[in-house]
Amino acid sequence: MKKPIFYIFTFIYLGILFFLITALQSCKNEKTKVVYTKKHEIINYGNTGIKDKKAAELFNEGLKNVENRDFYTAEEFFQKADAIEKDNTVILNSIALMSEKFSNYEEAELTYNRIFSNDTLSIITYINYGRFLVAQQKFEQGNQILLKGYQIAQHLNNSIDPLLLFNLSISYFYMKDCENAIKFIKLAKANAADEIFRKQIEEFLFEMTTICR
């Protein structure tokens, strides 16, 4: 591996760390929506887990504001939804991400831990929290969270989310473990159905292999 000057890769990575919407993917079921950001976070992984009708309505209003990049109003709706339906994983992930958006990192971490105190099988939370830790330069901690999510997904025989693989690769890269970094980014590429995301992965793979020579 080359000497640890990661400015090329870091520049590309930080270039996508803006909390902006790049895609809104709606499944055929109108109740399920997925919002991704340039930060490779998952704002929402479907609202089918929200049982209370009013909470779901408030949550969806929050999503509309996320799409319009009105994050302050979005957070207000998410908080209102949380007040009605406490400890809902989908709602709390969105609240945590809003905290990150406003650089309230301590609150974000508390929210992620709140989720895990009630739901230890949420792969989406492992993705978001692991990515959060890596962004905070807590590479080993982030790696362990992401790796645990990967192991749980395997145990549950779930298809592995390419975002999990992608972020796991990033964590290994910053730990200077090129072998695993390249291994998991290749797996992310193989599992990525979205063409835009796949192209981003290819760019990362190219830079990663160049730096790791």
Protein backbone atom coordinates (compact mmCIF):
# COMPACT_ATOMS: atom_id res chain seq x y z
CA MET A 1 0.00 0.00 0.00
CA LYS A 2 1.26 3.52 -0.77
CA LYS A 3 2.21 5.86 2.05
CA PRO A 4 -0.88 7.04 3.96
CA ILE A 5 -1.63 10.18 1.96
CA PHE A 6 -5.30 9.73 1.16
CA TYR A 7 -5.98 13.21 -0.18
CA ILE A 8 -7.24 11.97 -3.56
CA PHE A 9 -9.74 9.54 -2.11
CA THR A 10 -10.64 11.84 0.78
CA PHE A 11 -11.45 14.66 -1.63
CA ILE A 12 -13.80 12.44 -3.58
CA TYR A 13 -15.36 11.02 -0.42
CA LEU A 14 -15.92 14.39 1.22
CA GLY A 15 -17.34 15.69 -2.04
CA ILE A 16 -20.40 13.51 -1.49
CA LEU A 17 -20.75 14.25 2.21
CA PHE A 18 -23.36 16.94 1.67
CA PHE A 19 -26.76 16.27 3.05
CA LEU A 20 -28.68 16.68 -0.22
CA ILE A 21 -31.22 14.46 -1.88
CA THR A 22 -29.99 12.69 -4.98
CA ALA A 23 -32.77 10.22 -5.47
CA LEU A 24 -36.22 9.35 -4.27
CA GLN A 25 -37.13 5.80 -5.02
CA SER A 26 -40.76 4.84 -4.58
CA CYS A 27 -41.75 1.21 -4.68
CA LYS A 28 -45.00 0.11 -6.25
CA ASN A 29 -46.44 0.09 -2.76
CA GLU A 30 -47.10 3.80 -2.19
CA LYS A 31 -46.64 3.32 1.54
CA THR A 32 -42.97 2.51 1.07
CA LYS A 33 -40.50 5.23 0.18
CA VAL A 34 -36.74 5.30 0.26
CA VAL A 35 -34.75 8.50 0.34
CA TYR A 36 -31.00 8.44 -0.23
CA THR A 37 -28.59 11.34 0.12
CA LYS A 38 -25.20 12.23 -1.29
CA LYS A 39 -23.85 11.30 2.11
CA HIS A 40 -24.98 7.75 1.37
CA GLU A 41 -27.37 7.80 4.28
CA ILE A 42 -30.78 6.25 4.30
CA ILE A 43 -33.23 8.88 5.44
CA ASN A 44 -36.10 6.42 5.44
CA TYR A 45 -36.38 2.78 4.66
CA GLY A 46 -40.10 2.57 4.19
CA ASN A 47 -42.81 3.73 6.54
CA THR A 48 -44.67 0.42 6.67
CA GLY A 49 -43.31 -0.01 10.20
CA ILE A 50 -45.22 3.02 11.46
CA LYS A 51 -48.43 1.67 12.94
CA ASP A 52 -50.16 4.85 14.06
CA LYS A 53 -51.93 6.56 11.15
CA LYS A 54 -51.31 10.09 12.44
CA ALA A 55 -47.65 9.37 13.09
CA ALA A 56 -47.31 8.01 9.56
CA GLU A 57 -48.96 11.11 8.12
CA LEU A 58 -46.61 13.39 10.05
CA PHE A 59 -43.64 11.31 9.00
CA ASN A 60 -44.62 11.56 5.33
CA GLU A 61 -44.94 15.32 5.69
CA GLY A 62 -41.42 15.29 7.04
CA LEU A 63 -40.25 13.34 4.01
CA LYS A 64 -41.81 15.91 1.68
CA ASN A 65 -39.82 18.61 3.42
CA VAL A 66 -36.65 16.53 3.10
CA GLU A 67 -37.28 16.32 -0.65
CA ASN A 68 -37.62 20.12 -0.67
CA ARG A 69 -34.46 20.44 1.45
CA ASP A 70 -36.36 22.13 4.25
CA PHE A 71 -34.65 20.14 6.95
CA TYR A 72 -35.74 22.26 9.89
CA THR A 73 -39.41 21.71 9.09
CA ALA A 74 -38.71 18.05 8.33
CA GLU A 75 -37.22 17.56 11.76
CA GLU A 76 -40.27 19.14 13.38
CA PHE A 77 -42.54 16.63 11.66
CA PHE A 78 -40.29 13.72 12.56
CA GLN A 79 -40.24 14.82 16.20
CA LYS A 80 -44.04 15.08 16.21
CA ALA A 81 -44.27 11.58 14.74
CA ASP A 82 -41.89 10.31 17.44
CA ALA A 83 -44.05 11.92 20.15
CA ILE A 84 -46.97 9.80 18.96
CA GLU A 85 -45.16 6.55 18.23
CA LYS A 86 -42.14 6.26 20.49
CA ASP A 87 -39.07 4.19 19.68
CA ASN A 88 -40.00 3.56 16.05
CA THR A 89 -36.81 2.64 14.19
CA VAL A 90 -37.77 4.37 10.95
CA ILE A 91 -38.70 7.64 12.66
CA LEU A 92 -35.66 7.65 14.93
CA ASN A 93 -33.23 7.05 12.06
CA SER A 94 -34.65 10.13 10.38
CA ILE A 95 -34.32 12.17 13.57
CA ALA A 96 -30.71 11.03 14.00
CA LEU A 97 -29.90 12.08 10.46
CA MET A 98 -31.48 15.48 11.01
CA SER A 99 -29.26 15.88 14.08
CA GLU A 100 -26.26 15.10 11.90
CA LYS A 101 -27.43 17.65 9.36
CA PHE A 102 -27.38 20.33 12.03
CA SER A 103 -24.00 19.12 13.37
CA ASN A 104 -25.60 17.99 16.63
CA TYR A 105 -23.43 14.89 16.72
CA GLU A 106 -23.90 14.07 20.38
CA GLU A 107 -27.67 14.03 19.95
CA ALA A 108 -27.35 11.91 16.82
CA GLU A 109 -25.29 9.31 18.67
CA LEU A 110 -27.76 9.25 21.55
CA THR A 111 -30.58 8.63 19.09
CA TYR A 112 -28.75 5.77 17.39
CA ASN A 113 -28.12 4.18 20.77
CA ARG A 114 -31.78 4.68 21.64
CA ILE A 115 -32.69 2.70 18.54
CA PHE A 116 -30.34 -0.15 19.44
CA SER A 117 -31.78 -0.33 22.95
CA ASN A 118 -35.06 -1.46 21.38
CA ASP A 119 -34.12 -2.89 17.98
CA THR A 120 -30.85 -4.75 17.43
CA LEU A 121 -31.81 -6.22 14.05
CA SER A 122 -32.26 -3.01 12.05
CA ILE A 123 -29.70 -3.21 9.26
CA ILE A 124 -30.49 0.35 8.24
CA THR A 125 -29.44 1.58 11.68
CA TYR A 126 -26.16 -0.30 11.44
CA ILE A 127 -25.53 1.38 8.08
CA ASN A 128 -26.38 4.88 9.28
CA TYR A 129 -24.62 4.63 12.64
CA GLY A 130 -21.54 2.93 11.21
CA ARG A 131 -21.24 5.60 8.51
CA PHE A 132 -21.72 8.28 11.19
CA LEU A 133 -18.84 6.91 13.25
CA VAL A 134 -16.55 6.71 10.22
CA ALA A 135 -17.41 10.32 9.37
CA GLN A 136 -16.42 11.20 12.96
CA GLN A 137 -13.06 9.51 12.25
CA LYS A 138 -13.90 6.69 14.64
CA PHE A 139 -12.88 4.20 12.01
CA GLU A 140 -12.52 1.06 14.12
CA GLN A 141 -15.81 1.66 15.95
CA GLY A 142 -17.62 2.34 12.71
CA ASN A 143 -16.12 -0.76 11.17
CA GLN A 144 -17.32 -2.92 14.06
CA ILE A 145 -20.88 -1.58 13.80
CA LEU A 146 -20.97 -2.09 10.04
CA LEU A 147 -19.43 -5.54 10.33
CA LYS A 148 -22.04 -6.52 12.91
CA GLY A 149 -24.79 -5.35 10.58
CA TYR A 150 -23.24 -7.40 7.79
CA GLN A 151 -23.11 -10.50 9.98
CA ILE A 152 -26.73 -10.04 11.09
CA ALA A 153 -27.89 -9.66 7.50
CA GLN A 154 -26.07 -12.87 6.62
CA HIS A 155 -27.58 -14.67 9.60
CA LEU A 156 -31.07 -13.53 8.61
CA ASN A 157 -30.38 -14.60 5.03
CA ASN A 158 -31.22 -11.08 3.91
CA SER A 159 -29.88 -9.69 0.66
CA ILE A 160 -26.95 -7.47 1.58
CA ASP A 161 -27.65 -3.78 1.04
CA PRO A 162 -24.93 -2.32 -1.22
CA LEU A 163 -24.78 0.75 1.04
CA LEU A 164 -23.75 -1.50 3.91
CA LEU A 165 -21.02 -3.04 1.78
CA PHE A 166 -19.94 0.37 0.51
CA ASN A 167 -19.61 1.90 3.95
CA LEU A 168 -17.88 -1.22 5.27
CA SER A 169 -15.36 -0.81 2.46
CA ILE A 170 -14.79 2.83 3.39
CA SER A 171 -14.18 1.91 7.02
CA TYR A 172 -11.59 -0.70 6.03
CA PHE A 173 -9.92 1.78 3.72
CA TYR A 174 -9.42 4.31 6.50
CA MET A 175 -8.10 1.50 8.69
CA LYS A 176 -5.51 0.95 5.92
CA ASP A 177 -6.83 -2.55 5.26
CA CYS A 178 -6.78 -2.43 1.48
CA GLU A 179 -7.56 -6.11 1.00
CA ASN A 180 -10.91 -5.92 2.77
CA ALA A 181 -11.63 -2.44 1.44
CA ILE A 182 -11.40 -3.64 -2.14
CA LYS A 183 -13.19 -6.89 -1.34
CA PHE A 184 -16.26 -5.14 0.03
CA ILE A 185 -16.42 -2.37 -2.55
CA LYS A 186 -16.42 -5.04 -5.26
CA LEU A 187 -19.29 -6.76 -3.43
CA ALA A 188 -21.09 -3.40 -3.24
CA LYS A 189 -20.73 -2.97 -6.99
CA ALA A 190 -22.04 -6.49 -7.62
CA ASN A 191 -25.10 -5.83 -5.42
CA ALA A 192 -25.88 -2.29 -6.59
CA ALA A 193 -29.05 -2.16 -8.68
CA ASP A 194 -29.06 1.63 -9.03
CA GLU A 195 -26.99 2.67 -12.05
CA ILE A 196 -25.91 6.04 -10.62
CA PHE A 197 -24.77 4.47 -7.38
CA ARG A 198 -22.93 1.73 -9.28
CA LYS A 199 -21.00 4.34 -11.25
CA GLN A 200 -20.04 6.09 -8.02
CA ILE A 201 -18.82 2.78 -6.64
CA GLU A 202 -16.74 2.23 -9.79
CA GLU A 203 -15.08 5.62 -9.27
CA PHE A 204 -14.29 4.73 -5.67
CA LEU A 205 -12.96 1.34 -6.72
CA PHE A 206 -10.65 2.95 -9.26
CA GLU A 207 -9.27 5.47 -6.74
CA MET A 208 -8.99 2.83 -4.06
CA THR A 209 -7.03 0.39 -6.20
CA THR A 210 -4.77 3.22 -7.37
CA ILE A 211 -3.93 4.33 -3.83
CA CYS A 212 -3.60 0.78 -2.50
CA ARG A 213 -0.98 -0.27 -5.03
